[in-house]
Protein backbone atom coordinates (compact mmCIF):
# COMPACT_ATOMS: atom_id res chain seq x y z
CA MET A 1 -25.52 4.86 -7.75
CA GLU A 2 -23.32 7.75 -6.72
CA LYS A 3 -20.62 8.66 -9.23
CA ILE A 4 -17.50 9.41 -7.20
CA GLY A 5 -14.84 9.83 -9.87
CA TYR A 6 -13.51 8.88 -13.24
CA PHE A 7 -10.42 8.22 -15.32
CA ARG A 8 -10.22 10.27 -18.51
CA PHE A 9 -7.72 9.91 -21.33
CA TYR A 10 -7.87 12.96 -23.55
CA SER A 11 -5.82 15.08 -25.93
CA ASN A 12 -5.76 18.80 -26.63
CA ASN A 13 -4.40 18.20 -30.11
CA ILE A 14 -6.22 15.17 -31.51
CA ASN A 15 -9.66 13.60 -31.30
CA ILE A 16 -9.23 10.13 -29.87
CA THR A 17 -12.46 8.95 -31.49
CA ASP A 18 -11.02 9.85 -34.90
CA ASN A 19 -8.02 7.60 -34.34
CA VAL A 20 -7.59 3.86 -34.04
CA VAL A 21 -7.40 2.84 -30.38
CA ASP A 22 -4.96 0.00 -29.71
CA LEU A 23 -7.27 -2.63 -28.21
CA SER A 24 -4.38 -4.34 -26.39
CA ALA A 25 -3.26 -1.03 -24.84
CA LEU A 26 -6.86 -0.19 -23.89
CA ASN A 27 -7.29 -3.59 -22.25
CA ASN A 28 -4.07 -3.13 -20.25
CA THR A 29 -5.20 0.34 -19.21
CA LEU A 30 -8.53 -0.98 -17.94
CA SER A 31 -6.69 -3.70 -16.06
CA GLY A 32 -4.44 -1.01 -14.54
CA ILE A 33 -7.48 1.00 -13.44
CA HIS A 34 -8.99 -2.10 -11.87
CA ASP A 35 -5.76 -3.06 -10.08
CA SER A 36 -4.98 0.48 -8.86
CA ILE A 37 -8.40 0.74 -7.22
CA THR A 38 -7.86 -2.66 -5.62
CA LEU A 39 -4.44 -1.55 -4.34
CA CYS A 40 -5.81 1.66 -2.85
CA SER A 41 -8.67 -0.17 -1.17
CA GLY A 42 -6.07 -1.60 1.21
CA THR A 43 -6.76 -5.24 0.39
CA ASN A 44 -4.69 -7.83 -1.43
CA GLN A 45 -7.75 -9.94 -2.14
CA LYS A 46 -8.75 -10.57 -5.74
CA ASN A 47 -12.06 -9.02 -6.74
CA ASN A 48 -14.33 -8.79 -9.74
CA LEU A 49 -15.13 -5.09 -9.90
CA LYS A 50 -16.97 -3.94 -13.02
CA ILE A 51 -16.05 -0.54 -14.42
CA PRO A 52 -18.32 1.27 -16.93
CA ILE A 53 -16.32 2.60 -19.89
CA SER A 54 -17.45 5.11 -22.53
CA ILE A 55 -15.73 6.65 -25.55
CA ASN A 56 -17.14 10.06 -26.27
CA LYS A 57 -16.33 13.74 -26.69
CA GLY A 58 -12.89 12.92 -28.05
CA SER A 59 -11.81 10.96 -24.98
CA VAL A 60 -11.91 7.57 -23.29
CA VAL A 61 -13.68 7.77 -19.92
CA ALA A 62 -13.88 5.15 -17.18
CA GLU A 63 -16.56 6.12 -14.67
CA ILE A 64 -16.22 4.99 -11.06
CA TYR A 65 -19.26 4.60 -8.84
CA HIS A 66 -19.53 4.25 -5.06
CA VAL A 67 -19.60 0.50 -4.89
CA LEU A 68 -18.95 -2.05 -2.22
CA SER A 69 -17.51 -4.83 -4.36
CA GLU A 70 -17.81 -7.93 -2.26
CA PHE A 71 -15.68 -11.00 -2.87
CA GLY A 72 -17.42 -14.21 -3.82
CA LEU A 73 -20.87 -12.71 -4.55
CA ASP A 74 -22.50 -12.76 -7.96
CA LYS A 75 -24.20 -9.38 -8.31
CA THR A 76 -23.82 -6.77 -11.06
CA ILE A 77 -23.56 -3.03 -11.48
CA LEU A 78 -26.05 -1.66 -13.96
CA ALA A 79 -24.92 1.31 -16.07
CA SER A 80 -26.71 2.33 -19.25
CA THR A 81 -23.79 4.46 -20.39
CA ALA A 82 -21.32 1.58 -20.32
CA LEU A 83 -19.94 0.37 -23.63
CA MET A 84 -17.32 -1.94 -22.18
CA TYR A 85 -16.90 -3.71 -18.85
CA LEU A 86 -13.94 -5.09 -17.00
CA GLY A 87 -14.41 -8.04 -14.65
CA ALA A 88 -17.08 -10.68 -14.17
CA THR A 89 -19.05 -9.92 -10.99
CA ALA A 90 -19.55 -7.12 -8.47
CA THR A 91 -21.83 -6.06 -5.63
CA LYS A 92 -24.32 -3.26 -6.11
CA ALA A 93 -24.29 -0.78 -3.22
CA ALA A 94 -27.73 -0.16 -1.75
CA ASN A 95 -28.85 2.32 0.89
CA SER A 96 -31.01 -0.35 2.44
CA GLY A 97 -27.92 -2.43 3.18
CA ILE A 98 -26.36 -5.55 1.75
CA THR A 99 -25.40 -8.93 3.06
CA SER A 100 -21.71 -8.59 3.84
CA THR A 101 -18.88 -11.03 4.41
CA GLY A 102 -16.68 -8.19 5.69
CA LEU A 103 -14.37 -8.42 2.65
CA TYR A 104 -15.11 -5.59 0.23
CA ILE A 105 -13.69 -2.72 -1.75
CA ASP A 106 -14.98 0.77 -0.99
CA THR A 107 -14.35 2.53 -4.30
CA LYS A 108 -14.95 6.00 -2.83
CA LYS A 109 -12.12 5.69 -0.32
CA ALA A 110 -9.93 3.94 -2.88
CA MET A 111 -10.35 6.70 -5.49
CA LEU A 112 -9.43 9.43 -2.99
CA HIS A 113 -6.34 7.51 -1.92
CA LEU A 114 -5.37 6.86 -5.55
CA VAL A 115 -5.48 10.57 -6.44
CA LYS A 116 -3.28 11.36 -3.44
CA LEU A 117 -0.93 8.46 -4.26
CA VAL A 118 -0.43 9.73 -7.83
CA LYS A 119 0.29 13.20 -6.43
CA LEU A 120 2.90 11.70 -4.08
CA ILE A 121 4.60 9.69 -6.85
CA LYS A 122 4.84 12.84 -8.98
CA HIS A 123 6.11 14.81 -5.98
CA VAL A 124 9.04 12.48 -5.30
CA GLY A 125 9.67 11.79 -8.99
CA GLY A 126 9.12 8.06 -9.11
CA MET A 127 8.13 4.89 -7.29
CA LYS A 128 11.60 3.93 -6.11
CA PHE A 129 11.91 4.26 -2.33
CA ASP A 130 15.53 5.43 -2.33
CA GLU A 131 17.82 6.69 0.41
CA TYR A 132 16.95 10.35 -0.22
CA ILE A 133 13.22 9.79 0.27
CA LYS A 134 13.90 7.67 3.34
CA LYS A 135 15.95 10.46 4.98
CA ASN A 136 13.46 13.16 4.03
CA SER A 137 10.26 11.43 5.18
CA HIS A 138 9.23 12.44 8.70
CA LEU A 139 6.32 11.38 10.86
CA GLN A 140 3.93 14.08 12.12
CA GLU A 141 1.31 13.61 14.83
CA ASN A 142 -1.62 16.05 14.88
CA ASN A 143 -4.61 15.43 17.14
CA GLY A 144 -4.00 11.71 17.02
CA ILE A 145 -3.72 11.64 13.20
CA SER A 146 -0.47 10.34 11.71
CA THR A 147 0.86 12.07 8.60
CA ILE A 148 4.15 12.00 6.71
CA LYS A 149 5.93 15.15 5.55
CA ILE A 150 8.19 14.48 2.55
CA ARG A 151 10.69 16.91 1.03
CA ASN A 152 11.58 16.28 -2.61
CA ASN A 153 14.75 17.11 -4.55
CA PHE A 154 13.50 20.66 -5.18
CA GLY A 155 13.06 21.34 -1.45
CA ILE A 156 9.25 21.31 -1.72
CA GLU A 157 7.39 19.61 1.12
CA LEU A 158 4.22 17.55 0.82
CA GLU A 159 2.24 16.30 3.81
CA ILE A 160 0.09 13.23 3.26
CA GLU A 161 -1.72 10.68 5.41
CA TYR A 162 0.38 7.79 6.70
CA GLU A 163 -2.12 5.44 5.05
CA VAL A 164 -1.29 6.92 1.61
CA PHE A 165 2.46 6.73 2.35
CA LYS A 166 1.94 3.07 3.20
CA LEU A 167 0.32 2.54 -0.21
CA TYR A 168 3.35 4.19 -1.83
CA LEU A 169 5.64 1.67 -0.14
CA GLU A 170 3.43 -1.22 -1.25
CA SER A 171 2.97 0.00 -4.85
CA ARG A 172 4.49 -1.90 -7.72
CA SER A 173 5.19 -0.38 -11.11
CA THR A 174 3.43 -3.17 -13.01
CA ILE A 175 0.05 -1.69 -12.00
CA PHE A 176 0.93 1.85 -13.05
CA LYS A 177 2.64 0.73 -16.26
CA LYS A 178 -0.72 -0.65 -17.31
CA LEU A 179 -2.64 2.37 -16.04
CA THR A 180 -0.50 4.78 -18.10
CA GLU A 181 -0.17 2.68 -21.25
CA LEU A 182 -2.45 4.99 -23.29
CA VAL A 183 -0.45 8.04 -22.22
CA GLU A 184 1.75 9.39 -25.00
CA GLU A 185 2.88 12.73 -26.38
CA ASP A 186 -0.64 13.88 -27.22
CA VAL A 187 -2.65 11.87 -24.67
CA ILE A 188 -3.04 12.76 -20.97
CA CYS A 189 -4.38 10.58 -18.16
CA GLN A 190 -6.68 12.52 -15.84
CA ILE A 191 -7.77 10.96 -12.53
CA VAL A 192 -10.66 12.73 -10.83
CA TYR A 193 -12.18 12.29 -7.38
CA MET A 194 -15.56 13.96 -6.85
CA ALA A 195 -15.67 15.22 -3.26
CA ASP A 196 -18.85 15.59 -1.22
CA ASN A 197 -18.81 19.38 -1.62
CA ASP A 198 -19.03 19.04 -5.43
CA ASN A 199 -15.37 19.98 -5.79
CA GLU A 200 -13.17 17.83 -7.99
CA ILE A 201 -9.72 16.72 -6.84
CA ILE A 202 -7.71 16.18 -10.02
CA GLU A 203 -4.33 14.67 -10.79
CA GLU A 204 -2.97 14.29 -14.31
CA ILE A 205 -0.20 12.16 -15.77
CA THR A 206 1.41 13.61 -18.88
CA ALA A 207 3.88 12.04 -21.28
CA ASN A 208 6.74 13.80 -19.45
CA GLU A 209 5.54 12.37 -16.12
CA LYS A 210 4.89 8.85 -17.41
CA CYS A 211 8.46 7.83 -16.56
CA TYR A 212 7.72 8.32 -12.84
CA PHE A 213 5.38 5.32 -13.05
CA GLN A 214 7.70 3.08 -15.06
CA ASN A 215 10.29 2.07 -12.46
CA THR A 216 10.96 -1.66 -12.63
CA ASP A 217 10.48 -3.67 -9.45
CA GLU A 218 13.96 -5.13 -9.90
CA ASP A 219 15.46 -1.64 -9.46
CA ASP A 220 14.08 -1.23 -5.95
CA GLU A 221 17.04 -1.04 -3.56
CA LEU A 222 15.07 -0.28 -0.41
CA VAL A 223 12.03 -2.51 -0.03
CA GLU A 224 9.80 -2.30 3.01
CA ILE A 225 10.40 -5.34 5.20
CA LEU A 226 7.34 -7.07 6.69
CA PRO A 227 4.92 -4.53 5.12
CA GLU A 228 1.94 -6.42 6.54
CA TYR A 229 2.72 -5.04 10.02
CA GLU A 230 1.72 -1.42 10.67
CA HIS A 231 3.45 1.12 12.90
CA GLU A 232 2.35 0.65 16.55
CA GLN A 233 0.62 -2.65 15.72
CA ARG A 234 0.79 -5.19 18.54
CA VAL A 235 2.29 -8.49 17.40
CA GLU A 236 3.21 -11.97 18.62
CA LEU A 237 5.84 -13.40 16.29
CA ASP A 238 7.94 -16.56 16.34
CA GLY A 239 11.62 -16.39 15.45
CA LYS A 240 15.15 -17.48 16.22
CA ILE A 241 17.63 -15.35 18.16
CA VAL A 242 20.75 -14.80 16.03
CA LYS A 243 22.35 -11.69 17.57
CA LEU A 244 22.70 -10.23 21.04
CA HIS A 245 24.06 -6.74 21.75
CA GLU A 246 24.31 -6.33 25.50
CA ASP A 247 25.90 -2.88 25.21
CA ARG A 248 22.97 -1.62 23.11
CA ASP A 249 20.30 -3.59 24.98
CA THR A 250 19.02 -5.09 21.72
CA VAL A 251 18.54 -8.57 20.35
CA GLY A 252 18.35 -9.63 16.69
CA ILE A 253 15.65 -12.17 15.93
CA LYS A 254 15.25 -13.84 12.54
CA ILE A 255 11.59 -13.58 11.54
CA ASN A 256 10.34 -14.70 8.12
CA GLY A 257 13.87 -14.61 6.75
CA HIS A 258 14.70 -11.12 8.07
CA ILE A 259 16.78 -10.19 11.12
CA ILE A 260 14.65 -7.75 13.12
CA THR A 261 16.09 -5.58 15.88
CA CYS A 262 14.09 -6.06 19.06
CA ILE A 263 14.34 -3.59 21.96
CA PRO A 264 12.97 -4.01 25.49
CA ALA A 265 10.10 -1.61 26.12
CA GLY A 266 10.43 0.93 28.90
CA ARG A 267 14.25 1.09 28.61
CA GLN A 268 14.70 -2.21 30.42
CA HIS A 269 18.07 -3.97 30.30
CA ILE A 270 18.32 -6.95 27.97
CA ALA A 271 20.00 -8.84 30.85
CA MET A 272 16.55 -9.19 32.45
CA TYR A 273 15.71 -11.69 29.72
CA LYS A 274 18.99 -13.64 29.67
CA ASP A 275 17.43 -16.89 30.91
CA LEU A 276 14.97 -16.78 28.00
CA LEU A 277 17.54 -15.95 25.32
CA VAL A 278 19.84 -18.94 25.88
CA SER A 279 18.55 -22.28 24.62
CA GLU A 280 18.08 -25.19 27.03
CA GLN A 281 19.16 -27.54 24.25
CA ASN A 282 22.85 -28.49 24.25
CA GLU A 283 23.27 -28.41 20.46
CA LYS A 284 22.66 -24.66 20.15
CA ILE A 285 23.31 -21.45 22.05
CA PHE A 286 20.38 -19.15 21.26
CA ALA A 287 16.74 -20.08 21.66
CA ASN A 288 13.73 -20.09 19.40
CA VAL A 289 11.27 -17.63 20.90
CA LYS A 290 7.90 -15.98 20.63
CA ILE A 291 8.34 -12.22 20.96
CA ILE A 292 5.40 -10.08 22.05
CA GLY A 293 5.44 -6.34 21.57
CA VAL A 294 4.70 -3.39 19.29
CA ILE A 295 5.97 -2.61 15.78
CA ASN A 296 8.04 0.57 15.44
CA ARG A 297 8.61 2.01 11.94
CA PHE A 298 10.16 5.39 12.82
CA ASP A 299 13.44 6.36 14.46
CA ARG A 300 13.81 9.11 17.09
CA LYS A 301 14.03 11.78 14.40
CA GLY A 302 10.78 10.61 12.82
CA THR A 303 12.53 9.04 9.81
CA PHE A 304 10.74 6.03 8.32
CA LEU A 305 12.39 2.64 8.87
CA ASN A 306 11.95 0.29 5.92
CA LYS A 307 12.94 -2.53 8.28
CA PRO A 308 10.80 -2.28 11.43
CA GLN A 309 11.86 -2.73 15.03
CA ILE A 310 9.89 -4.51 17.74
CA LEU A 311 9.54 -2.88 21.16
CA PHE A 312 8.86 -5.96 23.25
CA ASN A 313 7.64 -6.52 26.78
CA GLU A 314 7.58 -10.32 26.79
CA ILE A 315 9.63 -13.20 25.40
CA ILE A 316 8.50 -16.82 25.55
CA GLN A 317 11.07 -19.51 24.84
CA ILE A 318 9.55 -21.96 22.38
CA ASP A 319 12.27 -24.55 23.00
CA SER A 320 11.18 -25.03 26.60
CA ILE A 321 7.54 -25.38 25.58
CA SER A 322 8.50 -28.11 23.09
CA ASN A 323 10.50 -29.96 25.75
CA GLN A 324 7.58 -29.85 28.19
CA GLN A 325 5.23 -31.22 25.52
CA ASN A 326 7.66 -34.06 24.79
CA LEU A 327 7.40 -35.20 28.41
CA PHE A 328 3.77 -36.23 27.90
């Protein structure tokens, strides 16, 4: 198997092997490693990824191999250097191919994204998506590749892939609290991705930086609404019309408990859809509808919108469909 990275907890001042390691803290750290890789794989599915762990050379090392961990299969990773394992089952990657259900974790991609995600969290000084970050995050388009340029409080800019920025919005501190539990005044967490050109991409979390990964979820003031829908993703969503702004040519539709601003595509006037917006039922004014269009997560200045808009080109009144069905 190809080794593609590792987590290393080390100290310049003490020898970890000469000290008692808190088993509970170590267990939480391993769980944090497991969950952070799962997060950065881009799936919310539970998995059973095994991670070889060794304690040597004055450090605790968790080695990560290029594995396709497939859900629901009972296969194992073999590693002679492993002293401890986390998880129950995993899928061994093989050059000859494996039987796939299509649901898997690619640890190589996940490790690269995790290193970049940690760099981003350190850059902005925390995991809280506040108003400052929102105003200073701008979409860039280069040769069809979407990136986000973010300026931090020190005026320093960082450009990262939109996919990594999306992970930042979806991250929760509970994962990183566990990942950094072993970090203290004399212990550093080092996350390493081994690139194809034999170069190592390294991010470290020191005791001074540990606070960036400790934000509580309850403190989040700006949470991404409907995070499951990507920018420019085509959608067909059911909702109830609750607002109508004829002067702005917008309509507010309540979808999954959130009022989403919907705008006609191609600068059409909202009046073109007036017959579909008003309910045919006497007991209410606005209709229940199916709106078909594209998700928009950036304003005209390229600033990220935590609550998306829908640029629609079709509205179907659900009320009228129900009435027609009741006739038969």
